């Protein structure tokens, strides 16, 4: 049994503990089985952390298996992106990558076995007729007129399906279970359909493809999976899962256990809806930093550790609930607060001229890369002309305003105390320049004469700063549950992205690596974009949860 110290507990792990203690299983074997029809999202990260985490903690195995039974919607690019996401999150699968398509020959053989046992038949009902025959939640279905075809004839018909002698949609292979079942999934479900589609793994070998529910349970069994973990929407499907395994000649019968899926505020978790956003050009792509995809979160500046911590905090239950976005943001904020170096950037600049500072002087000041951790230091060039944030200056202000006010003092971060003496405005009344003086004796700590300056603002040298594009992100949707809207696209936030084309950054940021995160002091956490060829930084998260305050106001 696994070492129980410092590992999470939940109802699934309790089941596993019991199975190991009773001798039902000698070890654990889980799997992460994505369909390669889109990029993985934060909900998949929950499943990844669960399945691979169990394998790690119990010293068991975890497979990566692609349930690739629908080639019309699948693509090798999705296969590659999923592998990359799993590795980036910090996990490694056991053995070779598995594909359900690896088992197509065996799956065909099991379908033949069901036909021979009189438990499957070829049905020629049209899709409209099949829906009519299926019944409703309150009325039982009725048998297809093809249900009592002999096994011999069904074997011949299924062979013709396999050989491409029927058109798409002309017929399907159905399991013969119970058209009066209270569970719709057991009303003679389709287990094979005809598709003349090229498959990214098997090419054109097959023109019939097994359905997900038939394939999934058999793939689990063939791989020796002990605990098949899936989300609650597959709870009724467990009855079909068990029926298939009980009626074919296969030794392993994995236990399916369901847990609640992740529902996260201000986003959607449906791959179909996410694909619509991509196809309709409402986002830049699957890796748009506003998307809840792992690739999007990575590009935005989220770290693997922060996502793993988020999955740990939300836990595993059977209770459906909506997780606050603030919980995810808190995880990355906690991570970056500890691990991100500091830097200075000015996003909405206004110029300051320090009139008593030599015009041609460049003073290199030392600044720590982190206020508490040993991350070394960097040099900041101070010159006569600098930029500060426009919102950090007011002509008049009350005592609560701790920044620069005309006629008063403030400290430049890691530099001197300055005093605003006068301003210059354009014809529209916009401040263009703030003229200041500095106190040369105030570098570092406040002087010993007892004069204290409470305000501290960030800045960059006007002549030495570098320019970069900074992308400010807000939530993708304006409502907490966009999936509940009749048309979820109408709830998109038109201000979810604001691009600042010429932000002013301290020179050290020019050497930032893609995906490297920084705290832009007094602004928030930012990461260098991993896709743009130019110097671009994406806002990861603010310094504090301002949304919580807004929502409670």
Protein backbone atom coordinates (compact mmCIF):
# COMPACT_ATOMS: atom_id res chain seq x y z
CA UNK A 1 0.00 0.00 0.00
CA UNK A 2 1.09 3.56 -0.61
CA UNK A 3 2.77 5.72 1.98
CA UNK A 4 -0.13 7.76 3.35
CA UNK A 5 1.94 10.62 4.70
CA UNK A 6 1.41 13.99 3.00
CA UNK A 7 -0.86 12.67 0.25
CA UNK A 8 -4.43 13.79 -0.40
CA UNK A 9 -7.44 11.72 0.59
CA UNK A 10 -10.76 11.42 -1.22
CA UNK A 11 -13.44 8.83 -1.83
CA UNK A 12 -11.58 7.36 -4.83
CA UNK A 13 -8.39 6.86 -2.84
CA UNK A 14 -10.47 5.32 -0.05
CA UNK A 15 -11.82 2.77 -2.55
CA UNK A 16 -8.30 2.04 -3.77
CA UNK A 17 -7.05 1.65 -0.21
CA UNK A 18 -9.80 -0.88 0.43
CA UNK A 19 -9.08 -2.80 -2.79
CA UNK A 20 -5.40 -3.06 -1.95
CA UNK A 21 -6.06 -4.03 1.66
CA UNK A 22 -8.53 -6.76 0.67
CA UNK A 23 -6.21 -8.20 -1.95
CA UNK A 24 -8.63 -7.42 -4.80
CA UNK A 25 -5.69 -5.76 -6.54
CA UNK A 26 -1.98 -6.14 -5.91
CA UNK A 27 -1.28 -2.71 -7.41
CA UNK A 28 -3.01 0.15 -9.17
CA UNK A 29 -3.18 0.85 -12.88
CA UNK A 30 -4.94 4.01 -14.09
CA UNK A 31 -5.08 5.80 -17.41
CA UNK A 32 -5.68 9.26 -18.83
CA UNK A 33 -7.81 8.73 -21.97
CA UNK A 34 -8.36 11.98 -23.93
CA UNK A 35 -10.07 12.13 -27.28
CA UNK A 36 -7.70 13.90 -29.72
CA UNK A 37 -10.35 16.31 -30.99
CA UNK A 38 -9.12 19.50 -29.34
CA UNK A 39 -6.63 20.95 -26.90
CA UNK A 40 -6.75 19.94 -23.25
CA UNK A 41 -8.26 22.42 -20.79
CA UNK A 42 -8.06 23.01 -17.04
CA UNK A 43 -10.77 20.37 -16.50
CA UNK A 44 -8.52 17.77 -18.10
CA UNK A 45 -5.72 18.92 -15.80
CA UNK A 46 -7.88 17.78 -12.88
CA UNK A 47 -8.13 14.31 -14.42
CA UNK A 48 -4.42 14.26 -15.28
CA UNK A 49 -3.44 15.12 -11.71
CA UNK A 50 -5.87 12.51 -10.36
CA UNK A 51 -4.82 9.60 -12.57
CA UNK A 52 -1.09 10.26 -12.67
CA UNK A 53 -1.10 11.33 -9.02
CA UNK A 54 -2.62 8.01 -7.94
CA UNK A 55 -0.02 6.13 -9.97
CA UNK A 56 2.77 8.11 -8.31
CA UNK A 57 1.47 7.83 -4.75
CA UNK A 58 0.61 4.13 -4.95
CA UNK A 59 3.71 3.26 -6.99
CA UNK A 60 1.45 1.98 -9.73
CA UNK A 61 1.13 2.59 -13.46
CA UNK A 62 -0.71 5.20 -15.54
CA UNK A 63 -1.20 4.97 -19.29
CA UNK A 64 -1.73 7.80 -21.75
CA UNK A 65 -4.31 6.48 -24.18
CA UNK A 66 -5.93 8.33 -27.04
CA UNK A 67 -9.55 7.26 -27.50
CA UNK A 68 -9.37 7.87 -31.22
CA UNK A 69 -12.61 6.41 -32.56
CA UNK A 70 -13.93 9.49 -34.37
CA UNK A 71 -11.41 10.42 -37.08
CA UNK A 72 -13.71 13.08 -38.57
CA UNK A 73 -12.95 15.38 -35.64
CA UNK A 74 -9.46 14.20 -34.73
CA UNK A 75 -6.08 15.51 -35.79
CA UNK A 76 -2.45 14.56 -35.22
CA UNK A 77 -1.82 18.12 -34.02
CA UNK A 78 -4.15 17.44 -31.10
CA UNK A 79 -2.30 14.20 -30.36
CA UNK A 80 0.99 16.09 -30.20
CA UNK A 81 -0.37 18.97 -28.12
CA UNK A 82 -1.88 16.59 -25.55
CA UNK A 83 1.44 14.80 -25.08
CA UNK A 84 3.18 18.14 -24.61
CA UNK A 85 0.60 19.30 -22.06
CA UNK A 86 0.90 16.15 -19.94
CA UNK A 87 4.69 16.44 -19.87
CA UNK A 88 4.58 20.18 -19.13
CA UNK A 89 2.33 19.53 -16.14
CA UNK A 90 5.10 17.31 -14.77
CA UNK A 91 3.84 13.80 -15.52
CA UNK A 92 5.15 10.89 -17.55
CA UNK A 93 3.10 7.95 -18.78
CA UNK A 94 4.20 4.35 -18.44
CA UNK A 95 5.41 2.50 -21.51
CA UNK A 96 4.44 3.45 -25.03
CA UNK A 97 1.55 5.76 -25.82
CA UNK A 98 -1.63 3.76 -26.26
CA UNK A 99 -4.30 4.30 -28.90
CA UNK A 100 -7.74 2.74 -28.99
CA UNK A 101 -7.07 2.31 -32.71
CA UNK A 102 -4.34 -0.17 -31.75
CA UNK A 103 -7.17 -2.46 -30.68
CA UNK A 104 -9.42 -2.12 -33.74
CA UNK A 105 -8.80 -5.73 -34.80
CA UNK A 106 -9.63 -7.03 -31.33
CA UNK A 107 -12.63 -4.73 -31.03
CA UNK A 108 -13.94 -6.09 -34.31
CA UNK A 109 -13.47 -9.61 -32.96
CA UNK A 110 -15.44 -8.80 -29.80
CA UNK A 111 -18.24 -7.33 -31.92
CA UNK A 112 -18.34 -10.59 -33.90
CA UNK A 113 -18.52 -12.49 -30.61
CA UNK A 114 -21.58 -10.48 -29.53
CA UNK A 115 -23.24 -11.16 -32.90
CA UNK A 116 -22.53 -14.88 -32.58
CA UNK A 117 -24.12 -14.86 -29.11
CA UNK A 118 -27.21 -13.13 -30.48
CA UNK A 119 -26.33 -9.96 -28.55
CA UNK A 120 -25.73 -7.61 -31.50
CA UNK A 121 -27.44 -7.01 -34.84
CA UNK A 122 -27.12 -4.88 -37.97
CA UNK A 123 -29.89 -2.28 -38.07
CA UNK A 124 -31.08 -0.41 -41.17
CA UNK A 125 -33.31 2.14 -39.46
CA UNK A 126 -32.65 5.71 -40.57
CA UNK A 127 -31.43 8.12 -37.85
CA UNK A 128 -34.92 9.65 -37.72
CA UNK A 129 -36.56 6.23 -37.36
CA UNK A 130 -34.03 5.18 -34.73
CA UNK A 131 -34.89 8.27 -32.63
CA UNK A 132 -38.59 7.46 -32.94
CA UNK A 133 -38.07 3.82 -31.94
CA UNK A 134 -35.85 4.77 -29.02
CA UNK A 135 -38.67 6.17 -26.91
CA UNK A 136 -38.40 8.89 -24.30
CA UNK A 137 -37.45 9.24 -20.66
CA UNK A 138 -41.04 8.40 -19.73
CA UNK A 139 -41.95 5.96 -22.52
CA UNK A 140 -40.11 2.73 -23.41
CA UNK A 141 -38.65 2.23 -26.83
CA UNK A 142 -39.79 -0.39 -29.33
CA UNK A 143 -37.79 -3.06 -31.05
CA UNK A 144 -36.22 -2.45 -34.42
CA UNK A 145 -37.68 -4.65 -37.19
CA UNK A 146 -34.11 -5.90 -37.73
CA UNK A 147 -33.61 -6.94 -34.09
CA UNK A 148 -34.43 -10.61 -34.65
CA UNK A 149 -32.23 -11.16 -37.67
CA UNK A 150 -30.29 -14.41 -37.22
CA UNK A 151 -26.67 -14.34 -36.02
CA UNK A 152 -25.58 -15.90 -39.32
CA UNK A 153 -27.19 -13.16 -41.38
CA UNK A 154 -25.87 -10.46 -39.05
CA UNK A 155 -22.33 -11.83 -39.39
CA UNK A 156 -22.62 -11.59 -43.16
CA UNK A 157 -24.04 -8.07 -42.98
CA UNK A 158 -21.33 -6.92 -40.55
CA UNK A 159 -18.70 -8.33 -42.91
CA UNK A 160 -20.23 -6.27 -45.71
CA UNK A 161 -20.08 -3.19 -43.49
CA UNK A 162 -16.40 -3.87 -42.88
CA UNK A 163 -15.77 -4.32 -46.62
CA UNK A 164 -17.38 -0.99 -47.52
CA UNK A 165 -20.40 -2.48 -49.30
CA UNK A 166 -22.86 -0.14 -47.58
CA UNK A 167 -23.05 3.63 -47.72
CA UNK A 168 -22.45 5.88 -44.73
CA UNK A 169 -25.56 5.99 -42.57
CA UNK A 170 -27.19 3.07 -44.36
CA UNK A 171 -26.80 0.75 -41.38
CA UNK A 172 -25.15 0.38 -37.98
CA UNK A 173 -24.30 -2.42 -35.59
CA UNK A 174 -26.33 -2.26 -32.38
CA UNK A 175 -26.02 -4.12 -29.11
CA UNK A 176 -29.15 -6.11 -28.25
CA UNK A 177 -29.90 -5.20 -24.63
CA UNK A 178 -33.32 -3.85 -23.59
CA UNK A 179 -35.46 -1.33 -25.45
CA UNK A 180 -37.65 -0.95 -22.36
CA UNK A 181 -34.77 -0.10 -20.02
CA UNK A 182 -35.18 2.98 -17.86
CA UNK A 183 -31.61 3.82 -18.86
CA UNK A 184 -31.54 5.22 -22.38
CA UNK A 185 -27.94 4.11 -22.81
CA UNK A 186 -29.10 0.45 -22.67
CA UNK A 187 -31.75 0.76 -25.37
CA UNK A 188 -29.83 -1.17 -28.01
CA UNK A 189 -27.00 1.36 -28.36
CA UNK A 190 -24.97 1.69 -31.54
CA UNK A 191 -21.56 0.07 -31.21
CA UNK A 192 -20.28 0.41 -34.83
CA UNK A 193 -21.00 2.87 -37.62
CA UNK A 194 -19.74 3.35 -41.18
CA UNK A 195 -17.35 6.22 -41.92
CA UNK A 196 -15.25 6.51 -45.08
CA UNK A 197 -12.70 8.72 -43.35
CA UNK A 198 -8.91 8.63 -43.24
CA UNK A 199 -7.66 7.87 -39.71
CA UNK A 200 -4.53 9.58 -38.39
CA UNK A 201 -3.20 6.26 -37.05
CA UNK A 202 -4.71 3.47 -39.18
CA UNK A 203 -4.96 5.31 -42.49
CA UNK A 204 -7.66 3.84 -44.75
CA UNK A 205 -7.63 0.31 -43.32
CA UNK A 206 -11.07 0.68 -41.78
CA UNK A 207 -14.37 2.12 -42.97
CA UNK A 208 -16.23 1.07 -39.83
CA UNK A 209 -15.38 2.62 -36.49
CA UNK A 210 -16.44 1.50 -33.00
CA UNK A 211 -18.38 3.87 -30.77
CA UNK A 212 -16.74 5.39 -27.72
CA UNK A 213 -18.73 3.46 -25.09
CA UNK A 214 -17.95 0.12 -26.71
CA UNK A 215 -14.29 0.97 -27.25
CA UNK A 216 -13.53 2.59 -23.92
CA UNK A 217 -14.34 -0.29 -21.61
CA UNK A 218 -12.59 -2.87 -23.79
CA UNK A 219 -9.49 -0.68 -24.10
CA UNK A 220 -9.39 -0.37 -20.30
CA UNK A 221 -9.67 -4.12 -19.94
CA UNK A 222 -7.02 -4.90 -22.56
CA UNK A 223 -4.59 -2.59 -20.77
CA UNK A 224 -5.25 -4.13 -17.36
CA UNK A 225 -6.66 -0.94 -15.85
CA UNK A 226 -7.78 -1.50 -12.26
CA UNK A 227 -9.71 1.72 -11.69
CA UNK A 228 -11.30 3.54 -14.62
CA UNK A 229 -11.87 7.10 -13.41
CA UNK A 230 -14.24 9.37 -15.31
CA UNK A 231 -16.57 12.31 -14.72
CA UNK A 232 -20.17 12.09 -13.56
CA UNK A 233 -21.77 12.46 -16.99
CA UNK A 234 -20.60 8.89 -17.67
CA UNK A 235 -22.40 7.49 -14.62
CA UNK A 236 -25.24 5.90 -16.61
CA UNK A 237 -22.75 4.73 -19.24
CA UNK A 238 -21.19 2.52 -16.55
CA UNK A 239 -24.12 0.13 -17.08
CA UNK A 240 -23.18 -0.27 -20.74
CA UNK A 241 -19.48 -0.43 -19.80
CA UNK A 242 -20.20 -3.35 -17.46
CA UNK A 243 -22.63 -5.06 -19.87
CA UNK A 244 -20.05 -5.16 -22.66
CA UNK A 245 -17.32 -6.61 -20.45
CA UNK A 246 -19.67 -9.18 -18.93
CA UNK A 247 -20.71 -10.46 -22.35
CA UNK A 248 -17.36 -10.87 -24.12
CA UNK A 249 -14.49 -13.24 -23.46
CA UNK A 250 -12.13 -10.95 -21.58
CA UNK A 251 -10.48 -11.52 -18.22
CA UNK A 252 -9.97 -8.04 -16.77
CA UNK A 253 -13.04 -6.06 -15.73
CA UNK A 254 -11.95 -2.63 -14.48
CA UNK A 255 -14.06 -0.75 -11.96
CA UNK A 256 -15.46 2.51 -13.30
CA UNK A 257 -15.66 5.28 -10.68
CA UNK A 258 -17.16 8.69 -11.40
CA UNK A 259 -16.22 12.06 -9.92
CA UNK A 260 -17.49 15.58 -10.52
CA UNK A 261 -16.08 17.47 -13.46
CA UNK A 262 -14.52 20.89 -13.05
CA UNK A 263 -16.84 23.84 -13.61
CA UNK A 264 -14.94 27.12 -13.49
CA UNK A 265 -16.49 30.56 -13.35
CA UNK A 266 -16.31 32.94 -16.34
CA UNK A 267 -15.35 30.27 -18.84
CA UNK A 268 -16.66 27.19 -20.64
CA UNK A 269 -15.33 23.62 -20.51
CA UNK A 270 -17.04 22.23 -23.59
CA UNK A 271 -14.52 21.45 -26.31
CA UNK A 272 -17.26 22.07 -28.85
CA UNK A 273 -17.83 25.58 -27.50
CA UNK A 274 -14.10 26.24 -27.25
CA UNK A 275 -13.69 25.07 -30.84
CA UNK A 276 -16.47 27.46 -31.88
CA UNK A 277 -14.52 30.35 -30.34
CA UNK A 278 -11.46 29.35 -32.35
CA UNK A 279 -13.29 28.71 -35.63
CA UNK A 280 -15.29 31.94 -35.38
CA UNK A 281 -12.16 34.00 -34.70
CA UNK A 282 -13.38 35.19 -31.31
CA UNK A 283 -10.01 34.17 -29.86
CA UNK A 284 -6.59 33.90 -31.50
CA UNK A 285 -6.50 30.11 -31.28
CA UNK A 286 -6.55 27.20 -28.84
CA UNK A 287 -3.55 28.72 -27.05
CA UNK A 288 -5.03 32.21 -26.70
CA UNK A 289 -4.13 33.31 -23.15
CA UNK A 290 -7.81 33.97 -22.42
CA UNK A 291 -8.71 30.34 -23.10
CA UNK A 292 -8.96 27.79 -20.25
CA UNK A 293 -6.79 25.40 -22.24
CA UNK A 294 -3.54 24.23 -20.71
CA UNK A 295 -1.71 25.74 -23.69
CA UNK A 296 -3.51 29.04 -23.13
CA UNK A 297 -2.78 29.09 -19.41
CA UNK A 298 0.85 28.24 -20.12
CA UNK A 299 1.14 31.07 -22.63
CA UNK A 300 -0.46 33.46 -20.17
CA UNK A 301 2.17 32.66 -17.56
CA UNK A 302 0.61 29.97 -15.38
CA UNK A 303 3.12 27.44 -14.07
CA UNK A 304 2.73 23.66 -13.82
CA UNK A 305 3.07 23.91 -10.04
CA UNK A 306 0.23 26.43 -9.80
CA UNK A 307 -2.14 24.24 -11.81
CA UNK A 308 -1.23 21.14 -9.79
CA UNK A 309 -1.84 23.13 -6.60
CA UNK A 310 -5.21 24.29 -7.92
CA UNK A 311 -6.24 20.70 -8.64
CA UNK A 312 -5.14 19.74 -5.15
CA UNK A 313 -7.14 22.55 -3.52
CA UNK A 314 -10.41 21.86 -5.33
CA UNK A 315 -10.20 18.16 -4.46
CA UNK A 316 -12.13 15.17 -5.80
CA UNK A 317 -15.81 14.73 -4.92
CA UNK A 318 -19.09 13.55 -6.41
CA UNK A 319 -20.64 16.95 -5.80
CA UNK A 320 -21.07 19.20 -8.84
CA UNK A 321 -20.18 22.79 -8.06
CA UNK A 322 -18.87 25.96 -9.66
CA UNK A 323 -15.30 26.82 -8.65
CA UNK A 324 -14.50 30.50 -8.29
CA UNK A 325 -11.98 31.86 -10.76
CA UNK A 326 -10.31 33.56 -7.80
CA UNK A 327 -9.17 30.17 -6.52
CA UNK A 328 -7.21 29.47 -9.71
CA UNK A 329 -5.80 33.00 -9.68
CA UNK A 330 -4.78 32.65 -6.03
CA UNK A 331 -2.71 29.56 -6.88
CA UNK A 332 -0.65 31.31 -9.56
CA UNK A 333 -0.39 34.45 -7.45
CA UNK A 334 1.00 32.46 -4.51
CA UNK A 335 3.47 30.68 -6.78
CA UNK A 336 4.75 33.80 -8.53
CA UNK A 337 4.92 35.83 -5.33
CA UNK A 338 7.52 33.35 -4.11
CA UNK A 339 9.31 32.57 -7.34
CA UNK A 340 9.00 35.45 -9.81
CA UNK A 341 11.79 38.05 -9.98
CA UNK A 342 10.78 41.70 -9.76
CA UNK A 343 11.09 44.26 -12.52
CA UNK A 344 9.71 47.70 -13.36
CA UNK A 345 7.46 48.62 -16.25
CA UNK A 346 5.38 51.69 -17.04
CA UNK A 347 2.23 50.99 -19.03
CA UNK A 348 0.69 54.48 -19.27
CA UNK A 349 3.73 56.78 -19.20
CA UNK A 350 4.04 60.43 -18.36
CA UNK A 351 7.47 62.07 -18.46
CA UNK A 352 9.30 63.45 -15.47
CA UNK A 353 12.24 65.83 -15.82
CA UNK A 354 14.48 65.98 -12.72
CA UNK A 355 15.70 69.52 -13.17
CA UNK A 356 18.61 69.42 -10.68
CA UNK A 357 19.97 66.15 -12.10
CA UNK A 358 22.80 66.50 -14.67
CA UNK A 359 21.47 66.22 -18.19
CA UNK A 360 24.14 63.78 -19.39
CA UNK A 361 24.45 61.77 -16.18
CA UNK A 362 23.62 58.04 -16.12
CA UNK A 363 23.68 56.52 -12.64
CA UNK A 364 23.54 52.74 -12.35
CA UNK A 365 21.54 51.81 -9.27
CA UNK A 366 21.39 48.34 -7.77
CA UNK A 367 18.03 46.69 -7.14
CA UNK A 368 17.21 43.26 -5.68
CA UNK A 369 15.48 40.79 -7.97
CA UNK A 370 13.34 39.63 -5.05
CA UNK A 371 12.54 41.38 -1.75
CA UNK A 372 13.08 38.32 0.48
CA UNK A 373 14.75 35.54 -1.50
CA UNK A 374 18.32 35.33 -2.76
CA UNK A 375 17.83 35.97 -6.46
CA UNK A 376 20.69 38.37 -6.98
CA UNK A 377 20.50 41.96 -8.13
CA UNK A 378 20.13 43.90 -11.34
CA UNK A 379 21.22 47.38 -12.43
CA UNK A 380 18.77 50.19 -13.13
CA UNK A 381 19.93 53.23 -15.14
CA UNK A 382 18.73 56.52 -13.65
CA UNK A 383 18.73 59.56 -15.91
CA UNK A 384 17.44 63.12 -15.82
CA UNK A 385 14.31 62.15 -17.72
CA UNK A 386 12.22 59.21 -16.55
CA UNK A 387 8.73 57.81 -17.05
CA UNK A 388 6.20 57.07 -14.32
CA UNK A 389 2.60 55.84 -14.49
CA UNK A 390 0.18 58.63 -15.31
CA UNK A 391 -2.13 57.51 -12.49
CA UNK A 392 0.73 57.93 -9.99
CA UNK A 393 0.52 61.74 -10.24
CA UNK A 394 -2.15 64.21 -9.22
CA UNK A 395 -2.14 67.97 -9.08
CA UNK A 396 -4.23 67.78 -5.91
CA UNK A 397 -5.05 64.83 -3.70
CA UNK A 398 -6.19 63.89 -0.20
CA UNK A 399 -4.00 62.20 2.41
CA UNK A 400 -4.97 58.70 1.25
CA UNK A 401 -3.15 59.20 -2.04
CA UNK A 402 0.38 57.92 -1.37
CA UNK A 403 1.94 58.80 -4.68
CA UNK A 404 3.28 61.97 -6.33
CA UNK A 405 1.35 65.21 -5.80
CA UNK A 406 2.28 68.66 -7.04
CA UNK A 407 4.36 70.37 -4.37
CA UNK A 408 4.96 67.12 -2.44
CA UNK A 409 7.48 64.29 -2.31
CA UNK A 410 7.56 60.63 -3.16
CA UNK A 411 10.30 58.02 -3.36
CA UNK A 412 11.33 56.43 -6.63
CA UNK A 413 11.62 52.67 -6.13
CA UNK A 414 15.26 51.73 -5.38
CA UNK A 415 16.30 55.36 -5.93
CA UNK A 416 15.86 58.91 -4.59
CA UNK A 417 13.13 61.06 -3.16
CA UNK A 418 11.75 63.53 -5.69
CA UNK A 419 9.44 66.55 -5.33
CA UNK A 420 6.97 67.71 -8.00
CA UNK A 421 7.56 71.42 -8.65
CA UNK A 422 5.47 72.26 -11.71
CA UNK A 423 3.76 70.72 -14.73
CA UNK A 424 3.44 71.30 -18.42
CA UNK A 425 0.22 70.64 -20.33
CA UNK A 426 -0.84 70.45 -23.96
CA UNK A 427 -3.65 72.45 -25.51
CA UNK A 428 -6.22 69.88 -24.39
CA UNK A 429 -5.14 70.16 -20.78
CA UNK A 430 -3.33 66.82 -20.67
CA UNK A 431 -0.18 66.74 -18.58
CA UNK A 432 2.82 66.13 -20.82
CA UNK A 433 5.70 66.72 -18.39
CA UNK A 434 6.16 66.87 -14.64
CA UNK A 435 9.17 68.91 -13.51
CA UNK A 436 10.74 67.69 -10.29
CA UNK A 437 13.78 68.05 -8.09
CA UNK A 438 15.55 65.24 -6.26
CA UNK A 439 17.35 65.00 -2.94
CA UNK A 440 20.79 63.51 -3.56
CA UNK A 441 21.07 62.39 0.11
CA UNK A 442 18.07 60.07 -0.02
CA UNK A 443 19.40 57.09 -1.97
CA UNK A 444 18.41 53.91 -0.18
CA UNK A 445 16.82 54.43 3.24
CA UNK A 446 15.19 57.61 4.48
CA UNK A 447 17.71 60.16 5.81
CA UNK A 448 18.50 60.28 9.51
CA UNK A 449 16.93 63.71 9.96
CA UNK A 450 13.57 62.04 10.54
CA UNK A 451 11.87 63.22 7.34
CA UNK A 452 9.70 60.35 6.14
CA UNK A 453 8.23 59.77 2.69
CA UNK A 454 5.41 57.25 2.71
CA UNK A 455 4.81 56.91 -1.01
CA UNK A 456 6.94 54.77 -3.35
CA UNK A 457 6.38 54.63 -7.12
CA UNK A 458 8.02 52.71 -9.94
CA UNK A 459 9.76 54.29 -12.92
CA UNK A 460 12.04 53.66 -15.90
CA UNK A 461 14.69 55.75 -17.59
CA UNK A 462 13.30 57.59 -20.62
CA UNK A 463 16.50 57.13 -22.61
CA UNK A 464 17.41 53.58 -21.52
CA UNK A 465 14.04 51.86 -21.28
CA UNK A 466 12.96 49.35 -23.89
CA UNK A 467 9.57 49.27 -25.57
CA UNK A 468 7.39 46.18 -25.65
CA UNK A 469 3.84 45.15 -26.32
CA UNK A 470 1.95 44.35 -23.13
CA UNK A 471 -1.34 42.50 -23.29
CA UNK A 472 -3.76 43.17 -20.46
CA UNK A 473 -6.29 40.38 -19.96
CA UNK A 474 -9.70 40.35 -18.33
CA UNK A 475 -12.08 37.43 -18.04
CA UNK A 476 -13.26 35.99 -21.33
CA UNK A 477 -16.95 36.15 -20.40
CA UNK A 478 -19.02 38.73 -18.55
CA UNK A 479 -21.11 36.23 -16.57
CA UNK A 480 -20.04 33.52 -14.10
CA UNK A 481 -21.77 30.71 -16.03
CA UNK A 482 -21.72 31.48 -19.77
CA UNK A 483 -22.63 27.88 -20.64
CA UNK A 484 -26.10 28.51 -19.18
CA UNK A 485 -26.83 31.26 -21.70
CA UNK A 486 -28.96 30.47 -24.74
CA UNK A 487 -26.08 31.65 -26.90
CA UNK A 488 -22.90 31.60 -24.86
CA UNK A 489 -21.10 33.81 -27.41
CA UNK A 490 -23.35 36.75 -26.47
CA UNK A 491 -21.75 36.79 -23.02
CA UNK A 492 -18.22 37.32 -24.34
CA UNK A 493 -16.40 40.21 -22.70
CA UNK A 494 -15.46 42.72 -25.43
CA UNK A 495 -12.74 44.13 -23.15
CA UNK A 496 -11.11 40.79 -22.36
CA UNK A 497 -7.96 41.92 -24.20
CA UNK A 498 -6.39 45.39 -24.20
CA UNK A 499 -3.11 45.76 -26.09
CA UNK A 500 -0.59 48.37 -24.97
CA UNK A 501 1.66 48.75 -27.99
CA UNK A 502 4.54 50.76 -26.51
CA UNK A 503 4.89 50.04 -22.83
CA UNK A 504 8.15 51.25 -21.26
CA UNK A 505 10.19 48.52 -19.56
CA UNK A 506 13.44 48.44 -17.66
CA UNK A 507 16.34 47.21 -19.85
CA UNK A 508 16.85 43.87 -18.04
CA UNK A 509 13.53 42.57 -19.40
CA UNK A 510 14.92 42.48 -22.93
CA UNK A 511 16.69 39.23 -21.97
CA UNK A 512 13.57 37.56 -20.55
CA UNK A 513 13.01 34.01 -21.77
CA UNK A 514 9.69 32.88 -23.26
CA UNK A 515 7.26 31.91 -20.48
CA UNK A 516 9.46 33.52 -17.84
CA UNK A 517 7.32 35.22 -15.23
CA UNK A 518 7.97 38.54 -13.49
CA UNK A 519 6.25 40.75 -11.02
CA UNK A 520 6.02 44.15 -12.63
CA UNK A 521 6.27 46.06 -9.37
CA UNK A 522 2.99 47.58 -8.23
CA UNK A 523 1.23 46.35 -11.40
CA UNK A 524 0.91 42.58 -11.37
CA UNK A 525 2.47 39.41 -12.71
CA UNK A 526 3.49 39.16 -16.36
CA UNK A 527 5.10 36.52 -18.55
CA UNK A 528 6.98 36.84 -21.81
CA UNK A 529 4.84 35.46 -24.61
CA UNK A 530 6.02 32.12 -25.98
CA UNK A 531 4.70 32.71 -29.49
CA UNK A 532 5.35 36.31 -30.51
CA UNK A 533 8.56 37.07 -32.39
CA UNK A 534 8.72 40.55 -30.89
CA UNK A 535 9.11 41.45 -27.23
CA UNK A 536 5.65 40.82 -25.80
CA UNK A 537 4.43 40.30 -22.25
CA UNK A 538 1.12 38.80 -21.21
CA UNK A 539 -0.58 39.76 -17.99
CA UNK A 540 -0.88 36.60 -15.91
CA UNK A 541 -2.73 37.88 -12.84
CA UNK A 542 -3.02 41.00 -10.73
CA UNK A 543 -1.32 41.51 -7.40
CA UNK A 544 -4.58 40.98 -5.57
CA UNK A 545 -8.06 39.62 -6.24
CA UNK A 546 -9.75 42.81 -7.37
CA UNK A 547 -12.63 40.82 -8.87
CA UNK A 548 -13.78 39.60 -5.48
CA UNK A 549 -14.16 43.21 -4.35
CA UNK A 550 -16.01 44.18 -7.51
CA UNK A 551 -18.46 41.28 -7.25
CA UNK A 552 -19.26 42.06 -3.60
CA UNK A 553 -19.68 45.79 -4.16
